[in-house]
Protein backbone atom coordinates (compact mmCIF):
# COMPACT_ATOMS: atom_id res chain seq x y z
CA MET A 1 -107.09 102.07 12.49
CA GLU A 2 -104.48 104.32 14.12
CA SER A 3 -101.52 105.34 11.98
CA GLU A 4 -97.93 104.33 12.71
CA GLU A 5 -96.97 107.87 13.64
CA ASN A 6 -99.60 108.20 16.45
CA LYS A 7 -98.38 105.31 18.62
CA ILE A 8 -95.28 104.55 20.62
CA SER A 9 -94.04 101.58 22.67
CA VAL A 10 -92.97 101.90 26.32
CA TRP A 11 -91.24 99.13 28.25
CA VAL A 12 -92.75 98.43 31.71
CA CYS A 13 -91.26 95.69 33.89
CA ARG A 14 -89.49 94.07 30.89
CA GLU A 15 -92.83 94.09 29.00
CA GLU A 16 -93.55 96.19 25.97
CA LYS A 17 -96.64 98.37 26.12
CA VAL A 18 -98.03 100.13 23.07
CA VAL A 19 -99.67 103.47 23.72
CA LEU A 20 -102.19 104.56 21.01
CA GLY A 21 -104.03 107.77 20.30
CA LEU A 22 -101.11 110.17 20.75
CA SER A 23 -101.36 113.77 19.47
CA LYS A 24 -98.80 116.57 19.15
CA ARG A 25 -99.88 117.93 22.57
CA THR A 26 -99.46 114.63 24.45
CA THR A 27 -96.76 114.89 27.09
CA CYS A 28 -94.79 112.40 29.06
CA ALA A 29 -96.96 112.96 32.10
CA ASP A 30 -99.99 111.86 30.13
CA VAL A 31 -98.30 108.71 28.94
CA ILE A 32 -97.17 107.90 32.55
CA LYS A 33 -100.73 108.42 33.79
CA VAL A 34 -102.12 106.05 31.19
CA LEU A 35 -99.53 103.37 31.93
CA LEU A 36 -100.05 103.63 35.69
CA GLU A 37 -103.74 103.30 35.29
CA ASP A 38 -103.25 100.09 33.26
CA GLN A 39 -100.67 98.87 35.78
CA ASN A 40 -102.80 99.83 38.84
CA SER A 41 -105.69 97.79 37.55
CA GLN A 42 -103.47 94.75 37.94
CA GLN A 43 -101.12 95.45 40.94
CA GLY A 44 -102.56 98.34 42.98
CA LEU A 45 -102.36 102.10 43.23
CA CYS A 46 -99.22 104.17 42.82
CA ALA A 47 -98.46 107.90 42.62
CA ALA A 48 -97.78 109.28 39.09
CA GLN A 49 -95.25 111.77 40.44
CA SER A 50 -92.96 108.98 41.56
CA TYR A 51 -92.36 107.74 37.99
CA CYS A 52 -90.70 109.12 34.87
CA ILE A 53 -89.87 107.99 31.31
CA VAL A 54 -86.25 107.25 30.45
CA GLU A 55 -85.12 107.62 26.84
CA LYS A 56 -82.45 104.99 25.83
CA TRP A 57 -80.33 105.25 22.63
CA ARG A 58 -77.26 103.14 21.75
CA GLY A 59 -76.31 102.44 25.35
CA CYS A 60 -77.08 105.88 26.68
CA GLU A 61 -80.09 107.13 28.60
CA ARG A 62 -81.62 110.33 29.92
CA ILE A 63 -84.76 111.37 31.90
CA LEU A 64 -87.46 113.08 29.90
CA PRO A 65 -89.26 115.92 31.72
CA ASN A 66 -92.96 115.52 32.28
CA LYS A 67 -93.81 118.41 29.92
CA THR A 68 -91.94 116.85 26.95
CA ARG A 69 -94.08 116.38 23.82
CA ILE A 70 -93.33 112.74 23.35
CA LEU A 71 -94.77 112.34 19.88
CA ARG A 72 -92.77 115.28 18.56
CA LEU A 73 -89.63 113.81 20.10
CA TRP A 74 -90.36 110.38 18.54
CA VAL A 75 -90.87 111.87 15.08
CA ALA A 76 -87.66 113.94 15.43
CA TRP A 77 -85.56 110.90 15.83
CA GLY A 78 -86.24 109.94 12.14
CA ASP A 79 -84.19 106.98 10.96
CA GLU A 80 -82.77 106.37 14.42
CA GLN A 81 -86.21 105.29 15.82
CA ARG A 82 -85.25 101.66 15.65
CA ASN A 83 -82.39 102.32 18.16
CA VAL A 84 -84.57 104.37 20.58
CA LYS A 85 -86.46 102.82 23.46
CA PHE A 86 -88.69 104.42 26.16
CA VAL A 87 -88.72 102.85 29.57
CA LEU A 88 -91.03 103.67 32.54
CA VAL A 89 -89.07 103.59 35.84
CA LYS A 90 -89.30 105.19 39.30
CA SER A 91 -87.73 108.60 39.31
CA GLU A 92 -85.67 107.79 42.39
CA VAL A 93 -83.59 105.10 40.61
CA SER A 94 -83.26 106.71 37.11
CA LEU A 95 -79.87 108.45 37.62
CA ASP A 96 -76.91 108.16 39.93
CA SER A 97 -76.45 111.96 40.45
CA HIS A 98 -78.52 114.02 42.89
CA GLY A 99 -79.49 117.71 42.88
CA ALA A 100 -80.55 120.12 40.14
CA ARG A 101 -79.89 119.33 36.43
CA SER A 102 -78.13 121.74 34.01
CA ALA A 103 -79.71 123.10 30.85
CA GLU A 104 -77.88 120.45 28.78
CA ALA A 105 -79.48 116.98 28.89
CA ARG A 106 -77.09 114.69 30.73
CA VAL A 107 -76.18 111.31 29.25
CA VAL A 108 -75.16 108.38 31.45
CA LEU A 109 -74.42 104.79 30.87
CA SER A 110 -77.40 102.46 30.47
CA LYS A 111 -78.47 100.15 33.27
CA GLN A 112 -81.07 97.53 33.52
CA SER A 113 -84.31 99.36 34.17
CA PRO A 114 -86.05 98.00 37.35
CA CYS A 115 -89.64 97.06 37.58
CA ILE A 116 -92.25 99.56 38.74
CA MET A 117 -92.86 97.93 42.08
CA LYS A 118 -89.13 97.40 42.89
CA GLY A 119 -87.75 100.92 43.11
CA THR A 120 -85.55 102.46 45.85
CA ALA A 121 -85.60 105.98 47.25
CA ARG A 122 -83.71 108.67 45.28
CA CYS A 123 -84.14 112.23 44.00
CA THR A 124 -87.27 113.08 41.99
CA VAL A 125 -87.63 114.89 38.62
CA SER A 126 -89.80 117.49 40.32
CA SER A 127 -86.70 119.15 41.77
CA ILE A 128 -85.89 120.50 38.17
CA SER A 129 -87.53 123.83 37.49
CA PRO A 130 -90.06 124.10 34.56
CA GLU A 131 -87.75 126.64 32.80
CA LYS A 132 -84.87 124.15 32.84
CA GLN A 133 -87.10 121.40 31.61
CA ARG A 134 -88.23 123.53 28.62
CA ARG A 135 -84.60 124.38 27.78
CA ILE A 136 -83.63 120.68 27.89
CA VAL A 137 -86.43 119.87 25.50
CA ARG A 138 -85.70 122.73 23.12
CA LYS A 139 -81.99 121.83 23.00
CA ALA A 140 -82.85 118.23 22.25
CA PHE A 141 -85.09 119.16 19.43
CA ARG A 142 -82.53 121.56 17.94
CA LYS A 143 -79.85 118.89 17.94
CA LEU A 144 -82.17 116.33 16.25
CA GLU A 145 -83.17 118.85 13.64
CA LYS A 146 -79.50 119.62 12.87
CA ILE A 147 -78.68 115.94 12.47
CA ASN A 148 -81.61 115.42 10.09
CA LYS A 149 -80.72 118.50 8.00
CA LYS A 150 -77.07 117.38 7.61
CA ARG A 151 -78.12 113.86 6.51
CA SER A 152 -80.55 115.12 3.90
CA LYS A 153 -78.10 117.73 2.58
CA ALA A 154 -75.31 115.09 2.25
CA ALA A 155 -77.68 112.69 0.47
CA ARG A 156 -78.72 115.39 -2.12
CA ARG A 157 -75.08 116.44 -2.69
CA ASP A 158 -73.95 112.84 -3.28
CA ALA A 159 -76.77 112.21 -5.74
CA SER A 160 -75.96 115.30 -7.80
CA CYS A 161 -72.26 114.49 -7.89
CA ALA A 162 -72.90 110.93 -8.96
CA GLU A 163 -75.06 112.07 -11.86
CA LYS A 164 -72.47 114.56 -13.16
CA MET A 165 -69.61 111.95 -12.97
CA GLU A 166 -71.81 109.41 -14.71
CA THR A 167 -72.46 111.83 -17.56
CA LEU A 168 -68.71 112.56 -17.93
CA ILE A 169 -67.90 108.81 -17.93
CA HIS A 170 -70.42 108.14 -20.69
CA SER A 171 -68.91 110.97 -22.76
CA VAL A 172 -65.37 109.62 -22.35
CA VAL A 173 -66.49 106.08 -23.27
CA SER A 174 -68.29 107.38 -26.36
CA GLN A 175 -65.17 109.23 -27.57
CA ASP A 176 -63.05 106.16 -26.89
CA HIS A 177 -65.42 104.14 -29.11
CA THR A 178 -65.16 106.79 -31.87
CA ILE A 179 -61.34 106.76 -31.71
CA ARG A 180 -61.25 102.98 -31.97
CA GLN A 181 -63.47 103.17 -35.12
CA GLN A 182 -61.06 105.72 -36.66
CA ILE A 183 -58.15 103.46 -35.91
CA GLN A 184 -59.98 100.55 -37.56
CA ARG A 185 -60.68 102.75 -40.60
CA ILE A 186 -57.00 103.67 -40.89
CA THR A 187 -56.11 100.00 -40.84
CA GLU A 188 -58.58 99.28 -43.63
CA LEU A 189 -57.04 102.14 -45.71
CA ASP A 190 -53.58 100.69 -45.27
CA ALA A 191 -54.83 97.31 -46.52
CA GLU A 192 -56.49 99.01 -49.46
CA ILE A 193 -53.21 100.81 -50.30
CA GLU A 194 -51.38 97.43 -50.19
CA ARG A 195 -53.94 95.94 -52.56
CA CYS A 196 -53.49 98.86 -55.01
CA GLU A 197 -49.72 98.45 -54.90
CA ALA A 198 -50.10 94.78 -55.61
CA LYS A 199 -52.43 95.54 -58.59
CA VAL A 200 -49.90 97.94 -60.05
CA HIS A 201 -47.21 95.37 -59.56
CA MET A 202 -49.28 92.73 -61.48
CA ASP A 203 -50.00 95.26 -64.32
CA ARG A 204 -46.27 95.88 -64.70
CA ILE A 205 -45.63 92.18 -64.80
CA LYS A 206 -48.15 91.78 -67.57
CA ARG A 207 -46.69 94.74 -69.42
CA HIS A 208 -42.95 94.21 -68.99
CA GLY A 209 -42.67 90.58 -67.84
CA ALA A 210 -42.00 88.85 -64.54
CA ASN A 211 -38.43 90.02 -64.43
CA TYR A 212 -39.00 93.73 -65.18
CA VAL A 213 -37.18 94.83 -62.10
CA GLN A 214 -34.15 92.74 -62.98
CA ASN A 215 -34.28 93.85 -66.59
CA THR A 216 -34.47 97.47 -65.54
CA TYR A 217 -31.15 97.30 -63.58
CA LEU A 218 -29.26 94.60 -65.62
CA VAL A 219 -30.04 95.30 -69.28
CA ASP A 220 -27.20 96.90 -71.08
CA VAL A 221 -27.83 100.59 -71.45
CA ALA A 222 -25.94 100.77 -74.69
CA ALA A 223 -28.03 98.06 -76.27
CA ALA A 224 -31.39 99.57 -75.30
CA SER A 225 -32.72 102.36 -77.41
CA SER A 226 -33.00 105.90 -75.98
CA HIS A 227 -36.69 105.88 -77.01
CA GLU A 228 -37.57 103.04 -74.66
CA VAL A 229 -35.56 104.53 -71.88
CA GLU A 230 -37.43 107.77 -72.13
CA ASN A 231 -40.79 106.05 -72.27
CA LEU A 232 -39.93 104.04 -69.18
CA ARG A 233 -38.89 107.09 -67.28
CA SER A 234 -41.97 109.10 -68.19
CA SER A 235 -44.31 106.17 -67.27
CA ASP A 236 -42.55 105.69 -63.90
CA THR A 237 -42.73 109.37 -63.16
CA LEU A 238 -46.49 109.47 -63.99
CA ALA A 239 -47.04 106.42 -61.82
CA LYS A 240 -45.17 108.08 -58.94
CA LEU A 241 -47.25 111.18 -59.37
CA GLU A 242 -50.56 109.27 -59.34
CA LYS A 243 -49.47 107.30 -56.28
CA TYR A 244 -48.39 110.46 -54.52
CA PHE A 245 -51.66 112.27 -55.24
CA ARG A 246 -53.71 109.33 -54.00
CA HIS A 247 -51.63 109.32 -50.79
CA ARG A 248 -52.06 113.06 -50.48
CA GLU A 249 -55.86 112.85 -50.78
CA GLU A 250 -56.09 110.08 -48.16
CA VAL A 251 -53.77 111.95 -45.83
CA VAL A 252 -55.79 115.14 -46.07
CA ARG A 253 -59.03 113.30 -45.37
CA LEU A 254 -57.48 111.53 -42.37
CA GLN A 255 -56.07 114.82 -41.12
CA GLU A 256 -59.46 116.42 -41.22
CA GLU A 257 -61.04 113.54 -39.25
CA LEU A 258 -58.19 113.74 -36.77
CA TRP A 259 -58.73 117.47 -36.20
CA GLU A 260 -62.43 116.81 -35.61
CA GLN A 261 -61.67 114.16 -32.98
CA GLU A 262 -59.12 116.50 -31.27
CA THR A 263 -61.71 119.24 -31.13
CA LEU A 264 -64.20 116.88 -29.43
CA ILE A 265 -61.54 115.74 -26.93
CA ASP A 266 -60.73 119.35 -26.10
CA VAL A 267 -64.37 120.11 -25.40
CA ILE A 268 -64.67 117.12 -23.08
CA SER A 269 -61.36 118.10 -21.41
CA GLY A 270 -62.85 121.59 -20.84
CA GLU A 271 -65.95 120.11 -19.20
CA ILE A 272 -63.83 117.85 -16.92
CA GLN A 273 -61.69 120.81 -15.87
CA ASP A 274 -64.72 122.92 -15.13
CA GLU A 275 -66.02 120.15 -12.93
CA LEU A 276 -62.68 119.87 -11.12
CA ASN A 277 -62.52 123.62 -10.56
CA HIS A 278 -66.02 123.59 -9.20
CA ARG A 279 -65.15 120.75 -6.84
CA TRP A 280 -62.00 122.60 -5.71
CA MET A 281 -63.98 125.85 -5.05
CA GLN A 282 -66.61 123.90 -3.15
CA ARG A 283 -64.00 122.10 -1.02
CA ARG A 284 -62.38 125.48 -0.27
CA LYS A 285 -65.70 126.90 0.89
CA GLU A 286 -66.30 123.95 3.10
CA GLU A 287 -62.88 124.33 4.71
CA LEU A 288 -63.55 128.00 5.46
CA GLN A 289 -66.95 127.13 6.87
CA ARG A 290 -65.43 124.47 9.05
CA LYS A 291 -62.82 126.90 10.44
CA ASN A 292 -65.50 129.46 11.20
CA LEU A 293 -67.57 126.80 12.94
CA GLU A 294 -64.52 125.73 15.07
CA SER A 295 -63.82 129.37 16.02
CA GLY A 296 -67.49 129.86 17.02
CA ASP A 297 -68.17 126.64 18.99
CA ASP A 298 -69.43 128.61 21.99
CA SER A 299 -72.15 130.14 19.99
CA LEU A 300 -73.70 126.75 19.24
CA PHE A 301 -75.27 126.59 22.74
CA LEU A 302 -77.27 129.82 22.15
CA PRO A 303 -80.69 129.85 20.49
CA SER A 304 -80.68 130.01 16.72
CA THR A 305 -82.23 133.48 16.65
CA GLU A 306 -79.20 134.94 18.54
CA VAL A 307 -76.51 133.68 16.11
CA GLU A 308 -75.43 136.44 13.65
CA THR A 309 -72.51 136.84 11.27
CA SER A 310 -70.21 139.67 12.00
CA PRO A 311 -69.12 142.04 9.17
CA GLU A 312 -65.47 141.05 9.70
CA ASN A 313 -66.18 137.40 8.94
CA GLU A 314 -68.09 138.35 5.83
CA GLN A 315 -65.18 140.46 4.67
CA LEU A 316 -62.71 137.66 5.23
CA LEU A 317 -64.90 135.28 3.35
CA GLU A 318 -65.15 137.69 0.41
CA GLU A 319 -61.41 138.20 0.35
CA GLU A 320 -60.75 134.45 0.29
CA ARG A 321 -63.31 134.03 -2.52
CA ILE A 322 -61.66 136.79 -4.57
CA LYS A 323 -58.22 135.30 -4.05
CA THR A 324 -59.41 131.86 -5.08
CA GLN A 325 -60.97 133.25 -8.31
CA LEU A 326 -57.77 135.24 -9.11
CA ASN A 327 -55.63 132.12 -8.68
CA ALA A 328 -57.91 130.11 -10.92
CA SER A 329 -58.00 132.81 -13.58
CA LEU A 330 -54.21 133.12 -13.53
CA TYR A 331 -53.73 129.40 -13.91
CA ILE A 332 -56.28 129.24 -16.82
CA GLY A 333 -54.47 132.16 -18.56
CA LEU A 334 -51.08 130.54 -18.28
CA ARG A 335 -52.44 127.32 -19.63
CA LEU A 336 -54.04 129.05 -22.60
CA ASN A 337 -50.79 130.90 -23.38
CA ALA A 338 -48.89 127.56 -23.40
CA ASP A 339 -51.45 125.95 -25.66
CA LEU A 340 -51.27 128.96 -28.07
CA GLU A 341 -47.54 128.72 -28.28
CA ALA A 342 -47.73 124.98 -29.02
CA ILE A 343 -50.29 125.56 -31.77
CA ARG A 344 -48.12 128.25 -33.40
CA SER A 345 -45.09 125.97 -33.49
CA ASP A 346 -47.26 123.16 -34.99
CA LEU A 347 -48.62 125.54 -37.60
CA GLU A 348 -45.14 126.74 -38.61
CA LEU A 349 -43.91 123.19 -38.92
CA THR A 350 -46.91 122.18 -41.01
CA GLU A 351 -46.45 125.13 -43.39
CA GLN A 352 -42.80 124.29 -43.86
CA ILE A 353 -43.57 120.66 -44.72
CA CYS A 354 -46.27 121.72 -47.15
CA GLY A 355 -43.80 124.11 -48.83
CA GLU A 356 -41.27 121.33 -49.28
CA ARG A 357 -43.93 119.00 -50.77
CA GLU A 358 -44.99 121.66 -53.22
CA ARG A 359 -41.42 122.28 -54.33
CA GLU A 360 -40.97 118.55 -54.80
CA ILE A 361 -44.11 118.41 -56.98
CA ARG A 362 -42.91 121.29 -59.08
CA ASP A 363 -39.54 119.59 -59.62
CA LEU A 364 -41.28 116.38 -60.73
CA LEU A 365 -43.53 118.33 -63.15
CA GLU A 366 -40.44 120.07 -64.58
CA LYS A 367 -38.70 116.70 -65.16
CA VAL A 368 -41.88 115.33 -66.89
CA ASN A 369 -42.03 118.41 -69.14
CA THR A 370 -38.31 118.10 -70.02
CA LEU A 371 -38.77 114.40 -70.87
CA GLY A 372 -41.87 115.24 -72.97
CA MET A 373 -40.00 117.88 -75.01
CA GLU A 374 -37.20 115.44 -75.80
CA GLU A 375 -39.56 112.74 -77.15
CA GLY A 376 -40.31 112.51 -80.80
CA THR A 377 -43.54 113.10 -82.72
CA ASP A 378 -44.73 109.56 -81.99
CA THR A 379 -45.09 110.28 -78.27
CA LYS A 380 -46.87 113.69 -78.56
CA LYS A 381 -50.34 112.17 -78.14
CA ARG A 382 -49.30 110.21 -75.07
CA TYR A 383 -47.58 113.31 -73.64
CA SER A 384 -50.76 115.43 -74.17
CA HIS A 385 -52.77 112.80 -72.37
CA GLY A 386 -50.23 112.82 -69.50
CA ALA A 387 -50.38 116.61 -69.37
CA ASP A 388 -54.18 116.52 -68.98
CA VAL A 389 -53.78 114.02 -66.12
CA LYS A 390 -51.17 116.25 -64.52
CA THR A 391 -53.38 119.33 -64.93
CA GLY A 392 -56.31 117.52 -63.26
CA MET A 393 -54.07 116.39 -60.42
CA MET A 394 -52.71 119.91 -59.90
CA SER A 395 -56.30 121.32 -59.70
CA THR A 396 -57.15 118.55 -57.23
CA LEU A 397 -54.08 119.41 -55.20
CA GLN A 398 -54.98 123.08 -55.12
CA LYS A 399 -58.48 122.25 -53.93
CA LYS A 400 -57.11 120.01 -51.18
CA ASN A 401 -54.75 122.81 -50.11
CA ARG A 402 -57.73 125.11 -49.74
CA TRP A 403 -59.51 122.44 -47.74
CA VAL A 404 -56.48 122.07 -45.45
CA GLU A 405 -56.41 125.84 -44.92
CA GLN A 406 -60.11 125.89 -44.04
CA ALA A 407 -59.61 123.02 -41.65
CA ARG A 408 -56.70 124.82 -39.98
CA GLY A 409 -58.92 127.88 -39.57
CA LEU A 410 -61.60 125.83 -37.95
CA SER A 411 -59.08 124.15 -35.64
CA LYS A 412 -57.66 127.50 -34.67
CA THR A 413 -61.15 128.88 -33.86
CA HIS A 414 -61.87 125.86 -31.62
CA ASN A 415 -58.52 126.28 -29.92
CA VAL A 416 -59.09 129.97 -29.22
CA ASN A 417 -62.56 129.45 -27.85
CA ASP A 418 -61.49 126.49 -25.68
CA ASP A 419 -60.39 127.22 -22.18
CA ASP A 420 -59.43 123.69 -21.04
CA SER A 421 -56.62 123.11 -18.61
CA ASP A 422 -54.36 120.29 -17.67
CA THR A 423 -56.76 117.40 -17.36
CA GLY A 424 -54.61 114.60 -18.90
CA LEU A 425 -56.46 114.45 -22.26
CA SER A 426 -55.31 117.89 -23.56
CA SER A 427 -51.73 117.25 -22.53
CA LEU A 428 -51.78 113.97 -24.29
CA HIS A 429 -52.79 115.49 -27.62
CA SER A 430 -50.37 118.37 -27.16
CA GLN A 431 -47.59 115.78 -26.97
CA ASP A 432 -48.87 114.00 -30.04
CA SER A 433 -48.92 117.28 -31.96
CA ASP A 434 -45.10 117.63 -31.53
CA SER A 435 -44.46 114.55 -33.68
CA LEU A 436 -44.23 114.58 -37.49
CA PRO A 437 -47.46 114.80 -39.47
CA VAL A 438 -49.16 111.66 -40.63
CA TRP A 439 -48.72 112.16 -44.37
CA GLU A 440 -44.88 112.37 -44.04
CA SER A 441 -44.70 108.82 -42.57
CA LEU A 442 -47.24 107.46 -45.10
CA VAL A 443 -45.54 108.94 -48.19
């Protein structure tokens, strides 16, 4: 059984004829001879020199020289084979023009191809010299090869770009899912804090009664003993300290998680910016290549072995590439400088807020110590227990401060190593960093 590549169809008198057994050396003259032999067996003898094969494609047609390798031409059409049709006609009626043909294959409007036995007298293909016929065939093959190369190159480029964009989209969706989980966790912590406050409120109701708030503000100060007032103040101060330390621990933990998420977002922003820079450089190169091709259109009609790149064009391309790299480096440097200034301002603001919180804690501890010294011997045991609690809380606070400093060091390291630019994500988080810290709003 013959393969699909070794046969072609030729239309003769509105009838499709399939020619089998073609090889890479089979020419149009061989195909004409075979078709005429088949036709002569039915209608009589005719001269093979009086006929030619016309190639039709999308409403255009041209005469194929007798020495054209028809199988090679058919394979070179590639995906356009379904739009190509070969027709056997008399050479005198194939084209309207007379005289010698140029090196370029002429394309004319399609007409209804006449039958073999109904031709009229016109110019023959034999008037074209063999050298011109070879040039026509070579030029046709070169054009088809360029078309196929461009299509394959565009298909590969589109596939690689689609894969990269799909990877980036998956990364962004994953980070969005993580952020939503963190928001849900913060909501759960808020609900837990509210439950703890409700529990403390119920304990105070059991201890002091349902109207303990009203009694605190409305009871006559003169009638109440100083001992009860001091105990109430010390218990309220300890409760405030415990509540504050709980809030501080939760805020530190949430702040560490937030820094981790910001670091991941910065990394993704850097990857997106790298991809955008690569796209911009590639588009710039394509524009330069298109300009060079427009300026050198005359050289497209020469053989491929005669086209050479002049040193001046290479120097211009190198200069454009260096300028593009310098502009990109300058932009990245300015962006990194702006990010560094924003980080410094955020660090100074955070240190100032931490200093104020530490001073507030010291003032509270001094008040507790003063109240403890004024109490009598009956409250010494309770005060010693409260001092142990305060000492444990202070050690916990110092540990948390060290954790905060370590987290700041990690965040600074990630910011120095990151070279992202304005992609939308980084600018969003830089605006969020200008607002007050999370623990200030919670406390």
